[in-house]
All heavy atoms as atom14 arrays in JSON, in Angstrom:
{
  "sequence": "SFMATNRVVSINSINWARIMVQSAYYFWAYLQLRPEVDGEVHFVVPTG",
  "atom14_mask": [
    [1, 1, 1, 1, 1, 1, 0, 0, 0, 0, 0, 0, 0, 0],
    [1, 1, 1, 1, 1, 1, 1, 1, 1, 1, 1, 0, 0, 0],
    [1, 1, 1, 1, 1, 1, 1, 1, 0, 0, 0, 0, 0, 0],
    [1, 1, 1, 1, 1, 0, 0, 0, 0, 0, 0, 0, 0, 0],
    [1, 1, 1, 1, 1, 1, 1, 0, 0, 0, 0, 0, 0, 0],
    [1, 1, 1, 1, 1, 1, 1, 1, 0, 0, 0, 0, 0, 0],
    [1, 1, 1, 1, 1, 1, 1, 1, 1, 1, 1, 0, 0, 0],
    [1, 1, 1, 1, 1, 1, 1, 0, 0, 0, 0, 0, 0, 0],
    [1, 1, 1, 1, 1, 1, 1, 0, 0, 0, 0, 0, 0, 0],
    [1, 1, 1, 1, 1, 1, 0, 0, 0, 0, 0, 0, 0, 0],
    [1, 1, 1, 1, 1, 1, 1, 1, 0, 0, 0, 0, 0, 0],
    [1, 1, 1, 1, 1, 1, 1, 1, 0, 0, 0, 0, 0, 0],
    [1, 1, 1, 1, 1, 1, 0, 0, 0, 0, 0, 0, 0, 0],
    [1, 1, 1, 1, 1, 1, 1, 1, 0, 0, 0, 0, 0, 0],
    [1, 1, 1, 1, 1, 1, 1, 1, 0, 0, 0, 0, 0, 0],
    [1, 1, 1, 1, 1, 1, 1, 1, 1, 1, 1, 1, 1, 1],
    [1, 1, 1, 1, 1, 0, 0, 0, 0, 0, 0, 0, 0, 0],
    [1, 1, 1, 1, 1, 1, 1, 1, 1, 1, 1, 0, 0, 0],
    [1, 1, 1, 1, 1, 1, 1, 1, 0, 0, 0, 0, 0, 0],
    [1, 1, 1, 1, 1, 1, 1, 1, 0, 0, 0, 0, 0, 0],
    [1, 1, 1, 1, 1, 1, 1, 0, 0, 0, 0, 0, 0, 0],
    [1, 1, 1, 1, 1, 1, 1, 1, 1, 0, 0, 0, 0, 0],
    [1, 1, 1, 1, 1, 1, 0, 0, 0, 0, 0, 0, 0, 0],
    [1, 1, 1, 1, 1, 0, 0, 0, 0, 0, 0, 0, 0, 0],
    [1, 1, 1, 1, 1, 1, 1, 1, 1, 1, 1, 1, 0, 0],
    [1, 1, 1, 1, 1, 1, 1, 1, 1, 1, 1, 1, 0, 0],
    [1, 1, 1, 1, 1, 1, 1, 1, 1, 1, 1, 0, 0, 0],
    [1, 1, 1, 1, 1, 1, 1, 1, 1, 1, 1, 1, 1, 1],
    [1, 1, 1, 1, 1, 0, 0, 0, 0, 0, 0, 0, 0, 0],
    [1, 1, 1, 1, 1, 1, 1, 1, 1, 1, 1, 1, 0, 0],
    [1, 1, 1, 1, 1, 1, 1, 1, 0, 0, 0, 0, 0, 0],
    [1, 1, 1, 1, 1, 1, 1, 1, 1, 0, 0, 0, 0, 0],
    [1, 1, 1, 1, 1, 1, 1, 1, 0, 0, 0, 0, 0, 0],
    [1, 1, 1, 1, 1, 1, 1, 1, 1, 1, 1, 0, 0, 0],
    [1, 1, 1, 1, 1, 1, 1, 0, 0, 0, 0, 0, 0, 0],
    [1, 1, 1, 1, 1, 1, 1, 1, 1, 0, 0, 0, 0, 0],
    [1, 1, 1, 1, 1, 1, 1, 0, 0, 0, 0, 0, 0, 0],
    [1, 1, 1, 1, 1, 1, 1, 1, 0, 0, 0, 0, 0, 0],
    [1, 1, 1, 1, 0, 0, 0, 0, 0, 0, 0, 0, 0, 0],
    [1, 1, 1, 1, 1, 1, 1, 1, 1, 0, 0, 0, 0, 0],
    [1, 1, 1, 1, 1, 1, 1, 0, 0, 0, 0, 0, 0, 0],
    [1, 1, 1, 1, 1, 1, 1, 1, 1, 1, 0, 0, 0, 0],
    [1, 1, 1, 1, 1, 1, 1, 1, 1, 1, 1, 0, 0, 0],
    [1, 1, 1, 1, 1, 1, 1, 0, 0, 0, 0, 0, 0, 0],
    [1, 1, 1, 1, 1, 1, 1, 0, 0, 0, 0, 0, 0, 0],
    [1, 1, 1, 1, 1, 1, 1, 0, 0, 0, 0, 0, 0, 0],
    [1, 1, 1, 1, 1, 1, 1, 0, 0, 0, 0, 0, 0, 0],
    [1, 1, 1, 1, 0, 0, 0, 0, 0, 0, 0, 0, 0, 0]
  ],
  "atom14_positions": [
    [[23.05, 2.5, -17.76], [24.35, 2.44, -17.1], [24.74, 3.8, -16.52], [25.17, 3.91, -15.37], [25.42, 1.96, -18.08], [26.7, 1.99, -17.48], [0.0, 0.0, 0.0], [0.0, 0.0, 0.0], [0.0, 0.0, 0.0], [0.0, 0.0, 0.0], [0.0, 0.0, 0.0], [0.0, 0.0, 0.0], [0.0, 0.0, 0.0], [0.0, 0.0, 0.0]],
    [[24.57, 4.85, -17.33], [24.89, 6.2, -16.87], [24.0, 6.59, -15.69], [24.47, 7.14, -14.68], [24.72, 7.21, -18.0], [24.9, 8.63, -17.58], [26.17, 9.17, -17.48], [23.8, 9.42, -17.28], [26.34, 10.5, -17.06], [23.96, 10.74, -16.87], [25.24, 11.28, -16.76], [0.0, 0.0, 0.0], [0.0, 0.0, 0.0], [0.0, 0.0, 0.0]],
    [[22.71, 6.29, -15.8], [21.76, 6.64, -14.74], [22.14, 5.97, -13.42], [22.12, 6.61, -12.36], [20.35, 6.22, -15.15], [19.78, 6.98, -16.34], [19.29, 8.65, -15.91], [17.77, 8.31, -15.0], [0.0, 0.0, 0.0], [0.0, 0.0, 0.0], [0.0, 0.0, 0.0], [0.0, 0.0, 0.0], [0.0, 0.0, 0.0], [0.0, 0.0, 0.0]],
    [[22.48, 4.68, -13.48], [22.79, 3.95, -12.25], [24.12, 4.39, -11.67], [24.24, 4.6, -10.45], [22.8, 2.45, -12.54], [0.0, 0.0, 0.0], [0.0, 0.0, 0.0], [0.0, 0.0, 0.0], [0.0, 0.0, 0.0], [0.0, 0.0, 0.0], [0.0, 0.0, 0.0], [0.0, 0.0, 0.0], [0.0, 0.0, 0.0], [0.0, 0.0, 0.0]],
    [[25.12, 4.55, -12.52], [26.45, 4.93, -12.05], [26.44, 6.29, -11.38], [27.11, 6.51, -10.36], [27.45, 4.94, -13.23], [27.49, 3.65, -13.82], [28.84, 5.35, -12.76], [0.0, 0.0, 0.0], [0.0, 0.0, 0.0], [0.0, 0.0, 0.0], [0.0, 0.0, 0.0], [0.0, 0.0, 0.0], [0.0, 0.0, 0.0], [0.0, 0.0, 0.0]],
    [[25.65, 7.21, -11.92], [25.64, 8.59, -11.43], [24.44, 8.92, -10.56], [24.27, 10.06, -10.17], [25.73, 9.56, -12.61], [27.03, 9.44, -13.36], [28.04, 9.97, -12.93], [27.01, 8.73, -14.48], [0.0, 0.0, 0.0], [0.0, 0.0, 0.0], [0.0, 0.0, 0.0], [0.0, 0.0, 0.0], [0.0, 0.0, 0.0], [0.0, 0.0, 0.0]],
    [[23.61, 7.92, -10.27], [22.41, 8.11, -9.43], [21.64, 9.37, -9.88], [21.48, 10.33, -9.14], [22.79, 8.23, -7.96], [23.33, 6.93, -7.36], [23.42, 7.03, -5.85], [23.84, 5.76, -5.26], [25.11, 5.43, -5.05], [26.08, 6.26, -5.37], [25.42, 4.27, -4.49], [0.0, 0.0, 0.0], [0.0, 0.0, 0.0], [0.0, 0.0, 0.0]],
    [[21.17, 9.32, -11.12], [20.46, 10.46, -11.71], [18.97, 10.37, -11.37], [18.36, 9.3, -11.49], [20.66, 10.48, -13.24], [19.81, 11.58, -13.87], [22.13, 10.69, -13.58], [0.0, 0.0, 0.0], [0.0, 0.0, 0.0], [0.0, 0.0, 0.0], [0.0, 0.0, 0.0], [0.0, 0.0, 0.0], [0.0, 0.0, 0.0], [0.0, 0.0, 0.0]],
    [[18.4, 11.49, -10.97], [16.95, 11.59, -10.73], [16.47, 12.89, -11.35], [17.26, 13.75, -11.74], [16.61, 11.57, -9.22], [17.06, 10.29, -8.57], [17.22, 12.77, -8.51], [0.0, 0.0, 0.0], [0.0, 0.0, 0.0], [0.0, 0.0, 0.0], [0.0, 0.0, 0.0], [0.0, 0.0, 0.0], [0.0, 0.0, 0.0], [0.0, 0.0, 0.0]],
    [[15.16, 13.02, -11.44], [14.56, 14.28, -11.86], [13.52, 14.7, -10.84], [12.87, 13.84, -10.23], [13.91, 14.15, -13.24], [13.39, 15.4, -13.66], [0.0, 0.0, 0.0], [0.0, 0.0, 0.0], [0.0, 0.0, 0.0], [0.0, 0.0, 0.0], [0.0, 0.0, 0.0], [0.0, 0.0, 0.0], [0.0, 0.0, 0.0], [0.0, 0.0, 0.0]],
    [[13.34, 16.0, -10.65], [12.27, 16.43, -9.76], [11.34, 17.42, -10.47], [10.71, 18.25, -9.85], [12.77, 17.02, -8.42], [13.77, 18.15, -8.62], [13.38, 15.94, -7.56], [14.13, 18.85, -7.32], [0.0, 0.0, 0.0], [0.0, 0.0, 0.0], [0.0, 0.0, 0.0], [0.0, 0.0, 0.0], [0.0, 0.0, 0.0], [0.0, 0.0, 0.0]],
    [[11.25, 17.3, -11.81], [10.11, 17.93, -12.44], [8.96, 16.92, -12.39], [9.05, 15.9, -11.69], [10.43, 18.41, -13.87], [10.72, 17.27, -14.82], [10.66, 16.09, -14.46], [11.06, 17.62, -16.04], [0.0, 0.0, 0.0], [0.0, 0.0, 0.0], [0.0, 0.0, 0.0], [0.0, 0.0, 0.0], [0.0, 0.0, 0.0], [0.0, 0.0, 0.0]],
    [[7.88, 17.18, -13.09], [6.72, 16.3, -12.9], [6.88, 14.96, -13.59], [5.96, 14.14, -13.56], [5.42, 16.99, -13.35], [5.48, 17.38, -14.69], [0.0, 0.0, 0.0], [0.0, 0.0, 0.0], [0.0, 0.0, 0.0], [0.0, 0.0, 0.0], [0.0, 0.0, 0.0], [0.0, 0.0, 0.0], [0.0, 0.0, 0.0], [0.0, 0.0, 0.0]],
    [[8.06, 14.68, -14.21], [8.38, 13.3, -14.57], [8.43, 12.46, -13.3], [8.07, 11.29, -13.29], [9.72, 13.24, -15.31], [9.6, 13.83, -16.72], [10.26, 11.81, -15.39], [10.91, 13.94, -17.47], [0.0, 0.0, 0.0], [0.0, 0.0, 0.0], [0.0, 0.0, 0.0], [0.0, 0.0, 0.0], [0.0, 0.0, 0.0], [0.0, 0.0, 0.0]],
    [[8.87, 13.08, -12.2], [9.02, 12.4, -10.92], [7.64, 12.23, -10.28], [6.93, 13.2, -10.01], [9.94, 13.21, -10.01], [10.34, 12.49, -8.75], [9.51, 11.85, -8.1], [11.6, 12.58, -8.39], [0.0, 0.0, 0.0], [0.0, 0.0, 0.0], [0.0, 0.0, 0.0], [0.0, 0.0, 0.0], [0.0, 0.0, 0.0], [0.0, 0.0, 0.0]],
    [[7.28, 10.98, -9.98], [5.97, 10.7, -9.4], [5.73, 11.49, -8.12], [4.6, 11.92, -7.84], [5.81, 9.2, -9.12], [4.8, 8.96, -8.05], [5.02, 8.58, -6.77], [3.38, 9.17, -8.15], [3.85, 8.53, -6.07], [2.83, 8.88, -6.89], [2.54, 9.56, -9.19], [1.47, 8.98, -6.64], [1.17, 9.66, -8.94], [0.66, 9.37, -7.68]],
    [[6.78, 11.69, -7.31], [6.58, 12.36, -6.02], [6.02, 13.77, -6.19], [5.28, 14.26, -5.33], [7.9, 12.4, -5.24], [0.0, 0.0, 0.0], [0.0, 0.0, 0.0], [0.0, 0.0, 0.0], [0.0, 0.0, 0.0], [0.0, 0.0, 0.0], [0.0, 0.0, 0.0], [0.0, 0.0, 0.0], [0.0, 0.0, 0.0], [0.0, 0.0, 0.0]],
    [[6.36, 14.45, -7.31], [5.78, 15.76, -7.56], [4.27, 15.68, -7.68], [3.52, 16.51, -7.15], [6.38, 16.34, -8.85], [7.65, 17.15, -8.68], [7.37, 18.59, -8.26], [6.48, 19.25, -9.2], [6.87, 19.8, -10.34], [8.15, 19.75, -10.7], [6.0, 20.39, -11.13], [0.0, 0.0, 0.0], [0.0, 0.0, 0.0], [0.0, 0.0, 0.0]],
    [[3.79, 14.67, -8.41], [2.34, 14.51, -8.58], [1.69, 14.21, -7.23], [0.63, 14.74, -6.9], [2.05, 13.37, -9.58], [2.8, 13.6, -10.91], [0.55, 13.24, -9.82], [2.46, 14.87, -11.61], [0.0, 0.0, 0.0], [0.0, 0.0, 0.0], [0.0, 0.0, 0.0], [0.0, 0.0, 0.0], [0.0, 0.0, 0.0], [0.0, 0.0, 0.0]],
    [[2.31, 13.34, -6.45], [1.81, 12.98, -5.13], [1.61, 14.23, -4.27], [0.54, 14.42, -3.66], [2.8, 12.03, -4.44], [2.53, 11.76, -2.98], [3.89, 10.85, -2.19], [5.18, 12.11, -2.15], [0.0, 0.0, 0.0], [0.0, 0.0, 0.0], [0.0, 0.0, 0.0], [0.0, 0.0, 0.0], [0.0, 0.0, 0.0], [0.0, 0.0, 0.0]],
    [[2.62, 15.08, -4.22], [2.54, 16.27, -3.37], [1.5, 17.25, -3.91], [0.73, 17.83, -3.15], [3.93, 16.93, -3.26], [3.83, 18.27, -2.54], [4.9, 16.01, -2.53], [0.0, 0.0, 0.0], [0.0, 0.0, 0.0], [0.0, 0.0, 0.0], [0.0, 0.0, 0.0], [0.0, 0.0, 0.0], [0.0, 0.0, 0.0], [0.0, 0.0, 0.0]],
    [[1.47, 17.44, -5.23], [0.51, 18.39, -5.8], [-0.92, 17.94, -5.59], [-1.83, 18.77, -5.5], [0.8, 18.59, -7.29], [2.04, 19.44, -7.53], [2.51, 19.48, -8.96], [3.6, 19.97, -9.24], [1.74, 18.96, -9.88], [0.0, 0.0, 0.0], [0.0, 0.0, 0.0], [0.0, 0.0, 0.0], [0.0, 0.0, 0.0], [0.0, 0.0, 0.0]],
    [[-1.16, 16.65, -5.48], [-2.53, 16.19, -5.21], [-3.03, 16.7, -3.88], [-4.24, 16.86, -3.68], [-2.6, 14.66, -5.27], [-1.99, 14.08, -4.13], [0.0, 0.0, 0.0], [0.0, 0.0, 0.0], [0.0, 0.0, 0.0], [0.0, 0.0, 0.0], [0.0, 0.0, 0.0], [0.0, 0.0, 0.0], [0.0, 0.0, 0.0], [0.0, 0.0, 0.0]],
    [[-2.1, 17.0, -2.95], [-2.5, 17.38, -1.59], [-3.27, 18.69, -1.57], [-4.19, 18.85, -0.75], [-1.27, 17.47, -0.69], [0.0, 0.0, 0.0], [0.0, 0.0, 0.0], [0.0, 0.0, 0.0], [0.0, 0.0, 0.0], [0.0, 0.0, 0.0], [0.0, 0.0, 0.0], [0.0, 0.0, 0.0], [0.0, 0.0, 0.0], [0.0, 0.0, 0.0]],
    [[-2.91, 19.66, -2.43], [-3.64, 20.93, -2.32], [-5.04, 20.84, -2.91], [-5.9, 21.67, -2.59], [-2.86, 22.13, -2.86], [-2.35, 22.12, -4.26], [-3.19, 22.21, -5.35], [-0.97, 22.1, -4.48], [-2.69, 22.25, -6.64], [-0.45, 22.15, -5.77], [-1.32, 22.23, -6.84], [-0.81, 22.28, -8.12], [0.0, 0.0, 0.0], [0.0, 0.0, 0.0]],
    [[-5.31, 19.83, -3.7], [-6.7, 19.59, -4.1], [-7.52, 19.17, -2.88], [-8.66, 19.61, -2.7], [-6.77, 18.52, -5.19], [-6.31, 18.99, -6.54], [-4.97, 18.9, -6.92], [-7.2, 19.53, -7.46], [-4.54, 19.33, -8.16], [-6.79, 19.97, -8.71], [-5.45, 19.86, -9.05], [-5.03, 20.3, -10.28], [0.0, 0.0, 0.0], [0.0, 0.0, 0.0]],
    [[-6.94, 18.29, -2.06], [-7.64, 17.88, -0.84], [-7.91, 19.08, 0.06], [-9.03, 19.27, 0.54], [-6.8, 16.84, -0.07], [-6.83, 15.46, -0.64], [-5.87, 15.05, -1.54], [-7.82, 14.56, -0.26], [-5.89, 13.77, -2.07], [-7.84, 13.28, -0.79], [-6.87, 12.88, -1.69], [0.0, 0.0, 0.0], [0.0, 0.0, 0.0], [0.0, 0.0, 0.0]],
    [[-6.87, 19.91, 0.29], [-7.03, 21.03, 1.21], [-8.05, 22.04, 0.68], [-8.95, 22.48, 1.42], [-5.69, 21.73, 1.43], [-5.8, 22.84, 2.43], [-5.79, 22.75, 3.79], [-5.99, 24.23, 2.12], [-5.95, 23.99, 4.35], [-6.08, 24.91, 3.35], [-6.08, 24.96, 0.93], [-6.26, 26.3, 3.43], [-6.27, 26.32, 1.01], [-6.35, 26.98, 2.23]],
    [[-7.94, 22.41, -0.6], [-8.86, 23.4, -1.17], [-10.3, 22.87, -1.15], [-11.24, 23.6, -0.81], [-8.44, 23.75, -2.59], [0.0, 0.0, 0.0], [0.0, 0.0, 0.0], [0.0, 0.0, 0.0], [0.0, 0.0, 0.0], [0.0, 0.0, 0.0], [0.0, 0.0, 0.0], [0.0, 0.0, 0.0], [0.0, 0.0, 0.0], [0.0, 0.0, 0.0]],
    [[-10.47, 21.59, -1.53], [-11.81, 21.01, -1.51], [-12.42, 21.13, -0.11], [-13.59, 21.52, 0.05], [-11.77, 19.54, -1.93], [-13.12, 18.85, -1.76], [-14.02, 18.78, -2.82], [-13.52, 18.31, -0.53], [-15.26, 18.19, -2.66], [-14.75, 17.72, -0.36], [-15.62, 17.66, -1.43], [-16.86, 17.1, -1.26], [0.0, 0.0, 0.0], [0.0, 0.0, 0.0]],
    [[-11.65, 20.82, 0.92], [-12.18, 20.8, 2.28], [-12.48, 22.19, 2.81], [-13.27, 22.33, 3.75], [-11.21, 20.06, 3.21], [-11.12, 18.55, 2.96], [-9.94, 17.95, 3.69], [-12.42, 17.85, 3.36], [0.0, 0.0, 0.0], [0.0, 0.0, 0.0], [0.0, 0.0, 0.0], [0.0, 0.0, 0.0], [0.0, 0.0, 0.0], [0.0, 0.0, 0.0]],
    [[-11.88, 23.22, 2.24], [-12.26, 24.59, 2.61], [-13.64, 24.93, 2.07], [-14.39, 25.7, 2.68], [-11.24, 25.61, 2.08], [-9.8, 25.35, 2.48], [-9.64, 25.05, 3.95], [-9.94, 25.89, 4.8], [-9.16, 23.86, 4.25], [0.0, 0.0, 0.0], [0.0, 0.0, 0.0], [0.0, 0.0, 0.0], [0.0, 0.0, 0.0], [0.0, 0.0, 0.0]],
    [[-13.98, 24.34, 0.92], [-15.25, 24.65, 0.27], [-16.35, 23.66, 0.62], [-17.54, 24.01, 0.59], [-15.04, 24.68, -1.25], [-14.0, 25.7, -1.76], [-13.77, 25.52, -3.26], [-14.44, 27.11, -1.44], [0.0, 0.0, 0.0], [0.0, 0.0, 0.0], [0.0, 0.0, 0.0], [0.0, 0.0, 0.0], [0.0, 0.0, 0.0], [0.0, 0.0, 0.0]],
    [[-15.99, 22.44, 0.95], [-16.96, 21.39, 1.29], [-16.49, 20.64, 2.55], [-16.18, 19.45, 2.49], [-17.09, 20.4, 0.14], [-17.63, 20.97, -1.17], [-19.13, 21.04, -1.14], [-19.69, 21.09, -2.49], [-20.97, 21.29, -2.76], [-21.82, 21.43, -1.76], [-21.41, 21.31, -4.0], [0.0, 0.0, 0.0], [0.0, 0.0, 0.0], [0.0, 0.0, 0.0]],
    [[-16.41, 21.3, 3.71], [-15.88, 20.63, 4.9], [-16.69, 19.41, 5.33], [-16.15, 18.52, 6.0], [-15.92, 21.73, 5.97], [-16.88, 22.75, 5.46], [-16.79, 22.7, 3.98], [0.0, 0.0, 0.0], [0.0, 0.0, 0.0], [0.0, 0.0, 0.0], [0.0, 0.0, 0.0], [0.0, 0.0, 0.0], [0.0, 0.0, 0.0], [0.0, 0.0, 0.0]],
    [[-17.95, 19.35, 4.95], [-18.78, 18.19, 5.29], [-18.69, 17.09, 4.24], [-19.35, 16.05, 4.35], [-20.24, 18.62, 5.46], [-20.48, 19.59, 6.62], [-20.06, 18.97, 7.95], [-20.33, 17.77, 8.17], [-19.47, 19.7, 8.77], [0.0, 0.0, 0.0], [0.0, 0.0, 0.0], [0.0, 0.0, 0.0], [0.0, 0.0, 0.0], [0.0, 0.0, 0.0]],
    [[-17.88, 17.33, 3.2], [-17.7, 16.37, 2.11], [-19.07, 15.95, 1.57], [-19.4, 14.78, 1.43], [-16.88, 15.14, 2.58], [-16.41, 14.31, 1.39], [-15.67, 15.56, 3.4], [0.0, 0.0, 0.0], [0.0, 0.0, 0.0], [0.0, 0.0, 0.0], [0.0, 0.0, 0.0], [0.0, 0.0, 0.0], [0.0, 0.0, 0.0], [0.0, 0.0, 0.0]],
    [[-19.88, 16.97, 1.25], [-21.28, 16.75, 0.88], [-21.59, 17.14, -0.56], [-22.74, 17.45, -0.89], [-22.19, 17.52, 1.83], [-21.85, 18.99, 1.91], [-20.87, 19.43, 1.23], [-22.54, 19.73, 2.64], [0.0, 0.0, 0.0], [0.0, 0.0, 0.0], [0.0, 0.0, 0.0], [0.0, 0.0, 0.0], [0.0, 0.0, 0.0], [0.0, 0.0, 0.0]],
    [[-20.61, 17.15, -1.43], [-20.86, 17.48, -2.82], [-19.56, 17.66, -3.58], [-18.46, 17.5, -3.04], [0.0, 0.0, 0.0], [0.0, 0.0, 0.0], [0.0, 0.0, 0.0], [0.0, 0.0, 0.0], [0.0, 0.0, 0.0], [0.0, 0.0, 0.0], [0.0, 0.0, 0.0], [0.0, 0.0, 0.0], [0.0, 0.0, 0.0], [0.0, 0.0, 0.0]],
    [[-19.69, 18.01, -4.84], [-18.54, 18.14, -5.71], [-17.93, 19.54, -5.67], [-18.59, 20.51, -5.31], [-18.93, 17.81, -7.16], [-19.36, 16.37, -7.39], [-19.72, 16.11, -8.84], [-20.0, 17.08, -9.58], [-19.71, 14.93, -9.25], [0.0, 0.0, 0.0], [0.0, 0.0, 0.0], [0.0, 0.0, 0.0], [0.0, 0.0, 0.0], [0.0, 0.0, 0.0]],
    [[-16.67, 19.63, -6.08], [-15.99, 20.89, -6.4], [-15.32, 20.69, -7.76], [-14.7, 19.65, -8.0], [-14.93, 21.27, -5.34], [-14.13, 22.48, -5.81], [-15.58, 21.55, -3.99], [0.0, 0.0, 0.0], [0.0, 0.0, 0.0], [0.0, 0.0, 0.0], [0.0, 0.0, 0.0], [0.0, 0.0, 0.0], [0.0, 0.0, 0.0], [0.0, 0.0, 0.0]],
    [[-15.5, 21.66, -8.65], [-14.81, 21.63, -9.93], [-13.51, 22.42, -9.83], [-13.46, 23.45, -9.14], [-15.68, 22.25, -11.04], [-17.04, 21.64, -11.18], [-17.23, 20.3, -11.37], [-18.29, 22.21, -11.17], [-18.53, 20.04, -11.48], [-19.19, 21.18, -11.35], [0.0, 0.0, 0.0], [0.0, 0.0, 0.0], [0.0, 0.0, 0.0], [0.0, 0.0, 0.0]],
    [[-12.47, 21.97, -10.51], [-11.19, 22.67, -10.52], [-10.83, 23.07, -11.95], [-11.05, 22.3, -12.89], [-10.08, 21.79, -9.94], [-10.14, 21.66, -8.44], [-10.92, 20.67, -7.84], [-9.44, 22.54, -7.62], [-10.98, 20.55, -6.47], [-9.5, 22.43, -6.24], [-10.27, 21.44, -5.65], [0.0, 0.0, 0.0], [0.0, 0.0, 0.0], [0.0, 0.0, 0.0]],
    [[-10.26, 24.27, -12.08], [-9.79, 24.77, -13.37], [-8.28, 24.93, -13.28], [-7.78, 25.64, -12.39], [-10.45, 26.11, -13.75], [-10.01, 26.55, -15.15], [-11.98, 26.0, -13.67], [0.0, 0.0, 0.0], [0.0, 0.0, 0.0], [0.0, 0.0, 0.0], [0.0, 0.0, 0.0], [0.0, 0.0, 0.0], [0.0, 0.0, 0.0], [0.0, 0.0, 0.0]],
    [[-7.55, 24.3, -14.2], [-6.1, 24.21, -14.07], [-5.43, 24.63, -15.38], [-5.65, 24.0, -16.42], [-5.68, 22.75, -13.74], [-4.18, 22.69, -13.48], [-6.45, 22.21, -12.55], [0.0, 0.0, 0.0], [0.0, 0.0, 0.0], [0.0, 0.0, 0.0], [0.0, 0.0, 0.0], [0.0, 0.0, 0.0], [0.0, 0.0, 0.0], [0.0, 0.0, 0.0]],
    [[-4.58, 25.67, -15.36], [-3.74, 25.93, -16.54], [-2.77, 24.76, -16.71], [-2.19, 24.29, -15.71], [-2.98, 27.22, -16.16], [-3.67, 27.76, -14.95], [-4.31, 26.6, -14.26], [0.0, 0.0, 0.0], [0.0, 0.0, 0.0], [0.0, 0.0, 0.0], [0.0, 0.0, 0.0], [0.0, 0.0, 0.0], [0.0, 0.0, 0.0], [0.0, 0.0, 0.0]],
    [[-2.58, 24.29, -17.93], [-1.78, 23.08, -18.07], [-0.82, 23.15, -19.24], [-1.15, 23.67, -20.31], [-2.68, 21.84, -18.19], [-1.9, 20.66, -18.08], [-3.45, 21.82, -19.49], [0.0, 0.0, 0.0], [0.0, 0.0, 0.0], [0.0, 0.0, 0.0], [0.0, 0.0, 0.0], [0.0, 0.0, 0.0], [0.0, 0.0, 0.0], [0.0, 0.0, 0.0]],
    [[0.38, 22.6, -19.01], [1.38, 22.45, -20.06], [1.74, 20.99, -20.22], [1.32, 20.32, -21.15], [0.0, 0.0, 0.0], [0.0, 0.0, 0.0], [0.0, 0.0, 0.0], [0.0, 0.0, 0.0], [0.0, 0.0, 0.0], [0.0, 0.0, 0.0], [0.0, 0.0, 0.0], [0.0, 0.0, 0.0], [0.0, 0.0, 0.0], [0.0, 0.0, 0.0]]
  ]
}
């Protein structure tokens, strides 16, 4: 009731849109290293 009445949202990574946008830099970084899309790239990510 409180959420609907006050139109509450979050924009930390609880919010799906944050994950959607962050996925984009994996695409960009991968394509700098493998522009022909001809193999794998490993990613190392600090995580909380």
